Structure formats: C-alpha cells, structure tokens
C-alpha cells in the first residue's frame, strides 16, 4: 500500500463517486492522505490499512428506524462495540436497525462496505442525521473511505467538522456510547 498526499495521480479508472469525493475535498482545500487497497474482508486486512494510514478507521454505521422514515449515519471509534439500545434512547428512536443497501445508494451514493462521512456530500436533501460518538471527537485525525471500499483516507477531524460538514449543510449530534 502506497500512502499518497492528496488524490491519486490517475483517476481515469475510478468510480465517479470516488473522484467526486476528491474533487469536493480539493475544492474546500482540505488536506488528506490516501491509500489504495483490496476490499478489506478480514480484521488483518483492516489492521494493515490502519497501519498504512497511521490511524484507526472510523466505524461508520448507516441506521434507520423501523418505519424507514429517519436515517442516521453513526461515526464511532473503530475498536468500539455498538449496541442499538444504547443509541436508541439518546436519539428517541426505538427499533433502530441497519439500513438496506438500496437506502445507502439512494441517500449517500455508497454501497455496503464503503459507508463513510464522505457520503453526506451526496445527501442534498439532508435526509440523513449525522451522529458522532464523543470519543471520536477527541481524535486528531479520522480514517474514512472516499465513497468506495478499495481506498481509504486520513483527514484531520477539525477539517471534517469545520469545513466539510458546513459545506454539505449537515450538523451532527454528539452521542455517548459505552460500547462494552
């Protein structure tokens, strides 16, 4: 894995959603480091990506209520366990579950395995509520996908919170997850 400053040199054979991510970040003058890799299907592969980036990738969960009328993107530390009951009470939404692949594509233009805060740039109607675990807010940098699962990026949390999110028109709710 080769760690690069900024976008890959050649974007010709990349999916449009990935190129749009780099274009959007570049337009906001957000610096990032990027690495290409195979789809991570094992913990060993995930650990290798973390090591290459020098950061633990965020755990990104795309959730919805039972009626599928509210959608949530939860960002939390990659090594923390998730319990729906813990989150449900904080956001007053009973029966949270993982959203369907079709909903990921519809709202975030992302497929399973590539869920990321970067997908919010595609949520033009602001249908998705961003939730961020308070422990993640303590980290200097976050690891995330550029809307594809074969590439990962390291970005300053401050740039995501202060430049990227305002540019997408999304605000976040801080949540407290014990994760034991």
N, C-alpha and C. Protein backbone atom coordinates (compact mmCIF):
# COMPACT_ATOMS: atom_id res chain seq x y z
N UNK A 1 0.84 -1.18 0.00
CA UNK A 1 0.00 0.00 0.00
C UNK A 1 0.88 1.24 0.00
N UNK A 2 0.58 2.14 -0.90
CA UNK A 2 1.34 3.38 -1.02
C UNK A 2 0.50 4.53 -0.49
N UNK A 3 1.01 5.20 0.52
CA UNK A 3 0.32 6.35 1.11
C UNK A 3 0.66 7.59 0.30
N UNK A 4 -0.36 8.28 -0.19
CA UNK A 4 -0.17 9.49 -1.00
C UNK A 4 -0.69 10.72 -0.27
N UNK A 5 -0.10 11.84 -0.58
CA UNK A 5 -0.65 13.12 -0.15
C UNK A 5 -1.69 13.51 -1.19
N UNK A 6 -2.94 13.64 -0.78
CA UNK A 6 -3.98 14.05 -1.71
C UNK A 6 -4.45 12.94 -2.64
N UNK A 7 -5.11 13.36 -3.70
CA UNK A 7 -5.75 12.43 -4.64
C UNK A 7 -4.74 11.54 -5.36
N UNK A 8 -5.22 10.38 -5.84
CA UNK A 8 -4.35 9.51 -6.63
C UNK A 8 -3.92 10.24 -7.91
N UNK A 9 -2.76 9.87 -8.44
CA UNK A 9 -2.25 10.51 -9.66
C UNK A 9 -3.19 10.29 -10.84
N UNK A 10 -3.73 9.09 -10.96
CA UNK A 10 -4.59 8.75 -12.09
C UNK A 10 -5.98 8.39 -11.57
N UNK A 11 -6.98 9.14 -11.98
CA UNK A 11 -8.36 8.85 -11.55
C UNK A 11 -9.22 8.32 -12.70
N UNK A 12 -8.59 8.03 -13.83
CA UNK A 12 -9.32 7.62 -15.03
C UNK A 12 -10.17 6.36 -14.81
N UNK A 13 -9.63 5.36 -14.12
CA UNK A 13 -10.34 4.10 -13.95
C UNK A 13 -11.09 4.00 -12.63
N UNK A 14 -11.33 5.10 -11.98
CA UNK A 14 -12.01 5.09 -10.68
C UNK A 14 -13.48 5.44 -10.85
N UNK A 15 -14.28 4.98 -9.90
CA UNK A 15 -15.72 5.27 -9.95
C UNK A 15 -15.96 6.78 -9.79
N UNK A 16 -16.96 7.31 -10.48
CA UNK A 16 -17.26 8.74 -10.38
C UNK A 16 -17.48 9.21 -8.94
N UNK A 17 -18.09 8.37 -8.09
CA UNK A 17 -18.35 8.80 -6.70
C UNK A 17 -17.04 9.02 -5.94
N UNK A 18 -16.01 8.23 -6.26
CA UNK A 18 -14.71 8.43 -5.61
C UNK A 18 -14.05 9.72 -6.10
N UNK A 19 -14.08 9.94 -7.40
CA UNK A 19 -13.47 11.14 -7.97
C UNK A 19 -14.18 12.39 -7.45
N UNK A 20 -15.52 12.33 -7.35
CA UNK A 20 -16.29 13.46 -6.79
C UNK A 20 -15.85 13.77 -5.36
N UNK A 21 -15.52 12.73 -4.60
CA UNK A 21 -15.06 12.95 -3.22
C UNK A 21 -13.77 13.74 -3.22
N UNK A 22 -12.81 13.33 -4.03
CA UNK A 22 -11.53 14.06 -4.09
C UNK A 22 -11.75 15.49 -4.59
N UNK A 23 -12.60 15.64 -5.62
CA UNK A 23 -12.89 16.98 -6.15
C UNK A 23 -13.48 17.88 -5.07
N UNK A 24 -14.42 17.33 -4.30
CA UNK A 24 -15.09 18.12 -3.25
C UNK A 24 -14.09 18.52 -2.17
N UNK A 25 -13.30 17.58 -1.71
CA UNK A 25 -12.30 17.89 -0.68
C UNK A 25 -11.29 18.91 -1.19
N UNK A 26 -10.84 18.75 -2.43
CA UNK A 26 -9.88 19.69 -3.00
C UNK A 26 -10.49 21.08 -3.13
N UNK A 27 -11.77 21.15 -3.50
CA UNK A 27 -12.43 22.46 -3.64
C UNK A 27 -12.51 23.19 -2.29
N UNK A 28 -12.54 22.42 -1.21
CA UNK A 28 -12.59 23.00 0.14
C UNK A 28 -11.19 23.22 0.73
N UNK A 29 -10.18 22.87 -0.06
CA UNK A 29 -8.78 22.96 0.37
C UNK A 29 -8.53 22.15 1.64
N UNK A 30 -9.13 20.97 1.69
CA UNK A 30 -8.92 20.05 2.80
C UNK A 30 -7.81 19.08 2.41
N UNK A 31 -6.79 19.02 3.25
CA UNK A 31 -5.68 18.10 3.00
C UNK A 31 -6.04 16.72 3.52
N UNK A 32 -5.60 15.71 2.82
CA UNK A 32 -5.85 14.33 3.21
C UNK A 32 -4.74 13.45 2.66
N UNK A 33 -4.60 12.30 3.26
CA UNK A 33 -3.69 11.28 2.77
C UNK A 33 -4.56 10.11 2.32
N UNK A 34 -4.15 9.43 1.28
CA UNK A 34 -4.98 8.40 0.67
C UNK A 34 -4.14 7.17 0.37
N UNK A 35 -4.76 6.01 0.50
CA UNK A 35 -4.11 4.75 0.18
C UNK A 35 -5.13 3.84 -0.53
N UNK A 36 -4.66 3.14 -1.57
CA UNK A 36 -5.49 2.15 -2.26
C UNK A 36 -5.22 0.78 -1.66
N UNK A 37 -6.23 -0.09 -1.69
CA UNK A 37 -6.09 -1.42 -1.12
C UNK A 37 -7.20 -2.32 -1.66
N UNK A 38 -7.06 -3.59 -1.41
CA UNK A 38 -8.12 -4.53 -1.75
C UNK A 38 -9.28 -4.31 -0.78
N UNK A 39 -10.44 -4.79 -1.13
CA UNK A 39 -11.59 -4.73 -0.22
C UNK A 39 -11.19 -5.49 1.06
N UNK A 40 -11.31 -4.83 2.21
CA UNK A 40 -10.90 -5.43 3.48
C UNK A 40 -11.99 -6.37 3.99
N UNK A 41 -11.72 -7.65 3.97
CA UNK A 41 -12.72 -8.63 4.40
C UNK A 41 -12.33 -9.36 5.68
N UNK A 42 -11.15 -9.05 6.20
CA UNK A 42 -10.70 -9.66 7.45
C UNK A 42 -10.17 -8.58 8.38
N UNK A 43 -10.08 -8.90 9.65
CA UNK A 43 -9.52 -7.94 10.61
C UNK A 43 -8.05 -7.67 10.29
N UNK A 44 -7.33 -8.66 9.79
CA UNK A 44 -5.93 -8.47 9.44
C UNK A 44 -5.80 -7.43 8.33
N UNK A 45 -6.69 -7.50 7.34
CA UNK A 45 -6.67 -6.54 6.25
C UNK A 45 -7.00 -5.14 6.76
N UNK A 46 -7.97 -5.05 7.66
CA UNK A 46 -8.33 -3.76 8.27
C UNK A 46 -7.15 -3.19 9.06
N UNK A 47 -6.49 -4.03 9.81
CA UNK A 47 -5.34 -3.59 10.60
C UNK A 47 -4.21 -3.08 9.71
N UNK A 48 -4.01 -3.72 8.56
CA UNK A 48 -2.97 -3.28 7.62
C UNK A 48 -3.29 -1.89 7.07
N UNK A 49 -4.57 -1.63 6.80
CA UNK A 49 -4.98 -0.30 6.31
C UNK A 49 -4.77 0.74 7.41
N UNK A 50 -5.17 0.41 8.63
CA UNK A 50 -4.95 1.32 9.76
C UNK A 50 -3.48 1.66 9.90
N UNK A 51 -2.65 0.64 9.78
CA UNK A 51 -1.20 0.85 9.93
C UNK A 51 -0.65 1.73 8.81
N UNK A 52 -1.10 1.50 7.59
CA UNK A 52 -0.64 2.30 6.45
C UNK A 52 -1.03 3.77 6.62
N UNK A 53 -2.23 4.01 7.14
CA UNK A 53 -2.71 5.39 7.33
C UNK A 53 -2.19 6.02 8.61
N UNK A 54 -1.83 5.18 9.58
CA UNK A 54 -1.41 5.72 10.87
C UNK A 54 -2.59 6.20 11.69
N UNK A 55 -3.75 5.58 11.49
CA UNK A 55 -4.96 5.96 12.21
C UNK A 55 -5.92 4.76 12.18
N UNK A 56 -6.75 4.64 13.20
CA UNK A 56 -7.77 3.59 13.18
C UNK A 56 -8.97 4.12 12.40
N UNK A 57 -9.40 3.35 11.41
CA UNK A 57 -10.55 3.76 10.61
C UNK A 57 -11.78 3.90 11.50
N UNK A 58 -12.59 4.90 11.20
CA UNK A 58 -13.86 5.08 11.91
C UNK A 58 -14.78 3.92 11.60
N UNK A 59 -15.59 3.55 12.58
CA UNK A 59 -16.69 2.62 12.32
C UNK A 59 -17.85 3.50 11.87
N UNK A 60 -18.39 3.22 10.70
CA UNK A 60 -19.46 4.00 10.11
C UNK A 60 -20.67 3.10 9.94
N UNK A 61 -21.75 3.41 10.63
CA UNK A 61 -22.95 2.58 10.56
C UNK A 61 -24.11 3.41 10.01
N UNK A 62 -24.77 2.86 9.00
CA UNK A 62 -25.92 3.52 8.42
C UNK A 62 -27.17 2.85 8.97
N UNK A 63 -27.93 3.59 9.74
CA UNK A 63 -29.05 3.04 10.50
C UNK A 63 -30.36 3.72 10.10
N UNK A 64 -31.46 3.06 10.47
CA UNK A 64 -32.78 3.67 10.24
C UNK A 64 -33.74 3.20 11.32
N UNK A 65 -34.84 3.94 11.44
CA UNK A 65 -35.90 3.49 12.35
C UNK A 65 -36.72 2.41 11.64
N UNK A 66 -37.60 1.77 12.38
CA UNK A 66 -38.37 0.65 11.83
C UNK A 66 -39.21 1.07 10.63
N UNK A 67 -39.75 2.27 10.67
CA UNK A 67 -40.63 2.75 9.59
C UNK A 67 -39.84 3.23 8.37
N UNK A 68 -38.54 3.31 8.49
CA UNK A 68 -37.66 3.82 7.43
C UNK A 68 -38.02 5.26 7.07
N UNK A 69 -38.35 6.03 8.10
CA UNK A 69 -38.65 7.45 7.89
C UNK A 69 -37.51 8.33 8.37
N UNK A 70 -36.60 7.76 9.17
CA UNK A 70 -35.44 8.50 9.66
C UNK A 70 -34.19 7.66 9.45
N UNK A 71 -33.17 8.32 8.92
CA UNK A 71 -31.91 7.65 8.64
C UNK A 71 -30.79 8.35 9.40
N UNK A 72 -29.84 7.55 9.87
CA UNK A 72 -28.75 8.05 10.69
C UNK A 72 -27.42 7.48 10.19
N UNK A 73 -26.41 8.32 10.19
CA UNK A 73 -25.05 7.86 9.96
C UNK A 73 -24.31 8.03 11.27
N UNK A 74 -23.90 6.92 11.86
CA UNK A 74 -23.20 6.93 13.13
C UNK A 74 -21.71 6.74 12.90
N UNK A 75 -20.91 7.67 13.41
CA UNK A 75 -19.45 7.55 13.38
C UNK A 75 -18.99 7.28 14.80
N UNK A 76 -18.13 6.28 14.93
CA UNK A 76 -17.62 5.93 16.25
C UNK A 76 -16.22 5.34 16.09
N UNK A 77 -15.45 5.26 17.17
CA UNK A 77 -14.13 4.66 17.06
C UNK A 77 -14.23 3.23 16.52
N UNK A 78 -13.30 2.88 15.66
CA UNK A 78 -13.34 1.58 15.00
C UNK A 78 -13.22 0.39 15.93
N UNK A 79 -12.67 0.61 17.10
CA UNK A 79 -12.47 -0.50 18.03
C UNK A 79 -13.53 -0.57 19.12
N UNK A 80 -14.59 0.20 18.97
CA UNK A 80 -15.66 0.23 19.97
C UNK A 80 -16.83 -0.63 19.52
N UNK A 81 -17.46 -1.32 20.44
CA UNK A 81 -18.62 -2.15 20.14
C UNK A 81 -19.88 -1.27 20.08
N UNK A 82 -20.82 -1.68 19.24
CA UNK A 82 -22.06 -0.92 19.08
C UNK A 82 -23.25 -1.71 19.62
N UNK A 83 -24.07 -1.01 20.42
CA UNK A 83 -25.32 -1.59 20.93
C UNK A 83 -26.45 -0.64 20.57
N UNK A 84 -27.42 -1.15 19.81
CA UNK A 84 -28.51 -0.28 19.37
C UNK A 84 -29.29 0.31 20.53
N UNK A 85 -29.48 -0.45 21.59
CA UNK A 85 -30.26 0.03 22.73
C UNK A 85 -29.63 1.30 23.34
N UNK A 86 -28.31 1.32 23.40
CA UNK A 86 -27.59 2.46 23.94
C UNK A 86 -27.88 3.73 23.14
N UNK A 87 -27.94 3.60 21.83
CA UNK A 87 -28.14 4.75 20.97
C UNK A 87 -29.61 5.13 20.88
N UNK A 88 -30.48 4.17 20.79
CA UNK A 88 -31.92 4.43 20.62
C UNK A 88 -32.46 5.42 21.64
N UNK A 89 -32.11 5.23 22.88
CA UNK A 89 -32.64 6.10 23.93
C UNK A 89 -32.11 7.54 23.80
N UNK A 90 -30.91 7.70 23.29
CA UNK A 90 -30.33 9.04 23.17
C UNK A 90 -30.93 9.87 22.04
N UNK A 91 -31.42 9.18 21.01
CA UNK A 91 -31.97 9.92 19.87
C UNK A 91 -33.48 9.74 19.75
N UNK A 92 -34.09 9.16 20.79
CA UNK A 92 -35.54 8.96 20.82
C UNK A 92 -36.06 8.24 19.58
N UNK A 93 -35.39 7.16 19.24
CA UNK A 93 -35.80 6.37 18.08
C UNK A 93 -35.74 4.89 18.44
N UNK A 94 -36.89 4.33 18.73
CA UNK A 94 -36.94 2.91 19.07
C UNK A 94 -36.75 2.06 17.81
N UNK A 95 -36.34 0.87 18.02
CA UNK A 95 -36.21 -0.12 16.95
C UNK A 95 -35.25 0.31 15.84
N UNK A 96 -34.08 0.75 16.20
CA UNK A 96 -33.06 1.06 15.19
C UNK A 96 -32.56 -0.23 14.57
N UNK A 97 -32.27 -0.17 13.29
CA UNK A 97 -31.67 -1.31 12.62
C UNK A 97 -30.75 -0.80 11.52
N UNK A 98 -30.01 -1.71 10.92
CA UNK A 98 -29.13 -1.32 9.83
C UNK A 98 -29.99 -1.07 8.59
N UNK A 99 -29.70 0.03 7.92
CA UNK A 99 -30.45 0.38 6.71
C UNK A 99 -30.07 -0.57 5.58
N UNK A 100 -30.94 -0.66 4.60
CA UNK A 100 -30.73 -1.53 3.45
C UNK A 100 -29.71 -0.92 2.48
N UNK A 101 -29.11 -1.77 1.68
CA UNK A 101 -28.14 -1.33 0.68
C UNK A 101 -28.76 -0.31 -0.29
N UNK A 102 -30.03 -0.51 -0.63
CA UNK A 102 -30.70 0.43 -1.55
C UNK A 102 -30.78 1.83 -0.95
N UNK A 103 -30.97 1.90 0.38
CA UNK A 103 -31.04 3.20 1.05
C UNK A 103 -29.67 3.88 1.09
N UNK A 104 -28.62 3.09 1.27
CA UNK A 104 -27.26 3.66 1.24
C UNK A 104 -27.01 4.31 -0.11
N UNK A 105 -27.39 3.61 -1.16
CA UNK A 105 -27.19 4.12 -2.51
C UNK A 105 -28.06 5.35 -2.76
N UNK A 106 -29.31 5.28 -2.33
CA UNK A 106 -30.25 6.38 -2.55
C UNK A 106 -29.83 7.67 -1.84
N UNK A 107 -29.46 7.58 -0.58
CA UNK A 107 -29.18 8.78 0.20
C UNK A 107 -27.72 9.21 0.20
N UNK A 108 -26.79 8.25 0.15
CA UNK A 108 -25.37 8.59 0.27
C UNK A 108 -24.54 8.26 -0.96
N UNK A 109 -25.15 7.62 -1.96
CA UNK A 109 -24.43 7.14 -3.14
C UNK A 109 -23.22 6.30 -2.72
N UNK A 110 -23.49 5.37 -1.80
CA UNK A 110 -22.46 4.48 -1.26
C UNK A 110 -23.02 3.06 -1.23
N UNK A 111 -22.13 2.10 -1.42
CA UNK A 111 -22.52 0.70 -1.33
C UNK A 111 -22.00 0.09 -0.04
N UNK A 112 -22.56 -1.02 0.41
CA UNK A 112 -22.10 -1.66 1.65
C UNK A 112 -20.58 -1.87 1.62
N UNK A 113 -19.96 -1.62 2.75
CA UNK A 113 -18.52 -1.75 2.87
C UNK A 113 -17.79 -0.44 2.67
N UNK A 114 -18.49 0.57 2.15
CA UNK A 114 -17.86 1.86 1.87
C UNK A 114 -18.54 3.01 2.60
N UNK A 115 -19.39 2.71 3.57
CA UNK A 115 -20.11 3.77 4.28
C UNK A 115 -19.11 4.70 4.95
N UNK A 116 -19.36 5.98 4.80
CA UNK A 116 -18.40 6.99 5.26
C UNK A 116 -19.08 8.34 5.38
N UNK A 117 -18.51 9.18 6.22
CA UNK A 117 -18.98 10.56 6.35
C UNK A 117 -18.91 11.28 5.00
N UNK A 118 -18.05 10.83 4.11
CA UNK A 118 -17.93 11.46 2.80
C UNK A 118 -19.21 11.35 1.99
N UNK A 119 -20.04 10.36 2.27
CA UNK A 119 -21.30 10.20 1.57
C UNK A 119 -22.28 11.33 1.81
N UNK A 120 -22.08 12.09 2.88
CA UNK A 120 -23.01 13.19 3.18
C UNK A 120 -23.00 14.27 2.11
N UNK A 121 -21.92 14.36 1.32
CA UNK A 121 -21.90 15.34 0.24
C UNK A 121 -22.94 14.99 -0.82
N UNK A 122 -23.39 13.74 -0.84
CA UNK A 122 -24.41 13.30 -1.81
C UNK A 122 -25.82 13.40 -1.26
N UNK A 123 -25.96 13.71 0.01
CA UNK A 123 -27.28 13.82 0.65
C UNK A 123 -27.77 15.27 0.54
N UNK A 124 -28.13 15.65 -0.66
CA UNK A 124 -28.51 17.04 -0.95
C UNK A 124 -29.78 17.49 -0.22
N UNK A 125 -30.68 16.55 0.08
CA UNK A 125 -31.94 16.89 0.75
C UNK A 125 -31.85 16.74 2.26
N UNK A 126 -30.67 16.45 2.77
CA UNK A 126 -30.43 16.34 4.22
C UNK A 126 -31.38 15.36 4.90
N UNK A 127 -31.48 14.18 4.32
CA UNK A 127 -32.34 13.12 4.84
C UNK A 127 -31.64 12.32 5.95
N UNK A 128 -30.32 12.43 6.03
CA UNK A 128 -29.53 11.63 6.97
C UNK A 128 -29.02 12.51 8.10
N UNK A 129 -29.27 12.08 9.33
CA UNK A 129 -28.78 12.77 10.53
C UNK A 129 -27.44 12.15 10.93
N UNK A 130 -26.43 12.98 11.06
CA UNK A 130 -25.10 12.52 11.47
C UNK A 130 -25.03 12.45 12.99
N UNK A 131 -24.56 11.32 13.49
CA UNK A 131 -24.34 11.09 14.92
C UNK A 131 -22.86 10.77 15.10
N UNK A 132 -22.21 11.43 16.05
CA UNK A 132 -20.79 11.17 16.29
C UNK A 132 -20.58 10.84 17.75
N UNK A 133 -19.96 9.70 18.01
CA UNK A 133 -19.64 9.31 19.38
C UNK A 133 -18.61 10.29 19.95
N UNK A 134 -18.83 10.69 21.19
CA UNK A 134 -17.98 11.69 21.83
C UNK A 134 -16.51 11.29 21.87
N UNK A 135 -16.21 10.00 21.96
CA UNK A 135 -14.82 9.56 21.99
C UNK A 135 -14.11 9.84 20.67
N UNK A 136 -14.82 9.76 19.56
CA UNK A 136 -14.23 10.04 18.26
C UNK A 136 -13.85 11.52 18.14
N UNK A 137 -14.61 12.37 18.80
CA UNK A 137 -14.34 13.81 18.75
C UNK A 137 -13.02 14.18 19.43
N UNK A 138 -12.46 13.27 20.19
CA UNK A 138 -11.18 13.50 20.86
C UNK A 138 -9.99 13.21 19.94
N UNK A 139 -10.24 12.49 18.84
CA UNK A 139 -9.17 12.11 17.93
C UNK A 139 -8.78 13.26 17.01
N UNK A 140 -7.50 13.38 16.74
CA UNK A 140 -6.99 14.44 15.88
C UNK A 140 -7.33 14.18 14.41
N UNK A 141 -7.22 12.92 14.00
CA UNK A 141 -7.49 12.55 12.61
C UNK A 141 -8.46 11.37 12.56
N UNK A 142 -9.20 11.30 11.47
CA UNK A 142 -10.13 10.20 11.26
C UNK A 142 -9.77 9.48 9.97
N UNK A 143 -10.00 8.17 9.96
CA UNK A 143 -9.84 7.39 8.75
C UNK A 143 -11.21 7.09 8.18
N UNK A 144 -11.37 7.28 6.87
CA UNK A 144 -12.66 7.02 6.24
C UNK A 144 -12.46 6.66 4.77
N UNK A 145 -13.51 6.16 4.14
CA UNK A 145 -13.47 5.81 2.73
C UNK A 145 -13.94 6.99 1.87
N UNK A 146 -13.38 7.13 0.67
CA UNK A 146 -13.86 8.15 -0.26
C UNK A 146 -15.02 7.61 -1.11
N UNK A 147 -16.03 7.07 -0.43
CA UNK A 147 -17.25 6.54 -1.05
C UNK A 147 -17.02 5.25 -1.83
N UNK A 148 -15.87 4.62 -1.67
CA UNK A 148 -15.59 3.29 -2.22
C UNK A 148 -14.81 2.51 -1.17
N UNK A 149 -14.89 1.18 -1.24
CA UNK A 149 -14.24 0.37 -0.20
C UNK A 149 -12.84 -0.10 -0.58
N UNK A 150 -12.31 0.39 -1.70
CA UNK A 150 -10.97 -0.01 -2.13
C UNK A 150 -9.95 1.11 -1.99
N UNK A 151 -10.33 2.10 -1.23
CA UNK A 151 -9.44 3.22 -0.94
C UNK A 151 -9.82 3.77 0.43
N UNK A 152 -8.85 4.30 1.13
CA UNK A 152 -9.10 4.90 2.45
C UNK A 152 -8.30 6.19 2.57
N UNK A 153 -8.79 7.07 3.43
CA UNK A 153 -8.16 8.38 3.61
C UNK A 153 -7.97 8.68 5.10
N UNK A 154 -7.02 9.54 5.37
CA UNK A 154 -6.79 10.08 6.71
C UNK A 154 -6.98 11.58 6.59
N UNK A 155 -7.90 12.11 7.40
CA UNK A 155 -8.24 13.54 7.34
C UNK A 155 -8.28 14.09 8.76
N UNK A 156 -7.87 15.32 8.92
CA UNK A 156 -7.96 15.98 10.22
C UNK A 156 -9.43 16.10 10.62
N UNK A 157 -9.74 15.68 11.83
CA UNK A 157 -11.12 15.77 12.33
C UNK A 157 -11.62 17.21 12.27
N UNK A 158 -10.75 18.13 12.58
CA UNK A 158 -11.11 19.56 12.56
C UNK A 158 -11.58 19.99 11.17
N UNK A 159 -10.93 19.48 10.12
CA UNK A 159 -11.33 19.83 8.76
C UNK A 159 -12.70 19.25 8.41
N UNK A 160 -12.96 18.04 8.89
CA UNK A 160 -14.28 17.44 8.63
C UNK A 160 -15.35 18.23 9.35
N UNK A 161 -15.09 18.55 10.61
CA UNK A 161 -16.09 19.24 11.44
C UNK A 161 -16.29 20.71 11.05
N UNK A 162 -15.21 21.39 10.69
CA UNK A 162 -15.29 22.84 10.48
C UNK A 162 -15.36 23.27 9.01
N UNK A 163 -14.97 22.40 8.09
CA UNK A 163 -15.03 22.75 6.66
C UNK A 163 -15.99 21.85 5.89
N UNK A 164 -15.78 20.53 6.02
CA UNK A 164 -16.55 19.59 5.22
C UNK A 164 -18.04 19.61 5.57
N UNK A 165 -18.36 19.41 6.84
CA UNK A 165 -19.78 19.34 7.24
C UNK A 165 -20.53 20.63 6.92
N UNK A 166 -19.98 21.82 7.24
CA UNK A 166 -20.70 23.04 6.85
C UNK A 166 -20.93 23.13 5.33
N UNK A 167 -19.96 22.66 4.55
CA UNK A 167 -20.11 22.70 3.09
C UNK A 167 -21.22 21.77 2.60
N UNK A 168 -21.47 20.69 3.34
CA UNK A 168 -22.54 19.77 2.95
C UNK A 168 -23.88 20.20 3.54
N UNK A 169 -23.85 21.12 4.50
CA UNK A 169 -25.08 21.56 5.16
C UNK A 169 -25.55 20.63 6.25
N UNK A 170 -24.67 19.76 6.72
CA UNK A 170 -25.02 18.80 7.77
C UNK A 170 -24.44 19.23 9.11
N UNK A 171 -25.24 19.03 10.14
CA UNK A 171 -24.78 19.23 11.51
C UNK A 171 -24.79 17.86 12.17
N UNK A 172 -24.11 17.75 13.29
CA UNK A 172 -24.07 16.45 13.95
C UNK A 172 -24.59 16.54 15.38
N UNK A 173 -25.00 15.39 15.87
CA UNK A 173 -25.42 15.23 17.27
C UNK A 173 -24.36 14.37 17.93
N UNK A 174 -23.86 14.81 19.07
CA UNK A 174 -22.89 14.03 19.83
C UNK A 174 -23.63 13.01 20.66
N UNK A 175 -23.16 11.76 20.60
CA UNK A 175 -23.76 10.68 21.39
C UNK A 175 -22.69 10.06 22.28
N UNK A 176 -23.16 9.41 23.34
CA UNK A 176 -22.26 8.74 24.29
C UNK A 176 -22.52 7.24 24.22
N UNK A 177 -21.55 6.52 23.70
CA UNK A 177 -21.67 5.06 23.60
C UNK A 177 -20.61 4.42 24.47
N UNK A 178 -21.04 3.57 25.38
CA UNK A 178 -20.11 2.90 26.29
C UNK A 178 -19.38 1.81 25.52
N UNK A 179 -20.12 1.03 24.75
CA UNK A 179 -19.52 0.05 23.87
C UNK A 179 -18.83 -1.13 24.54
N UNK A 180 -19.27 -1.54 25.70
CA UNK A 180 -18.64 -2.68 26.36
C UNK A 180 -19.37 -3.96 26.05
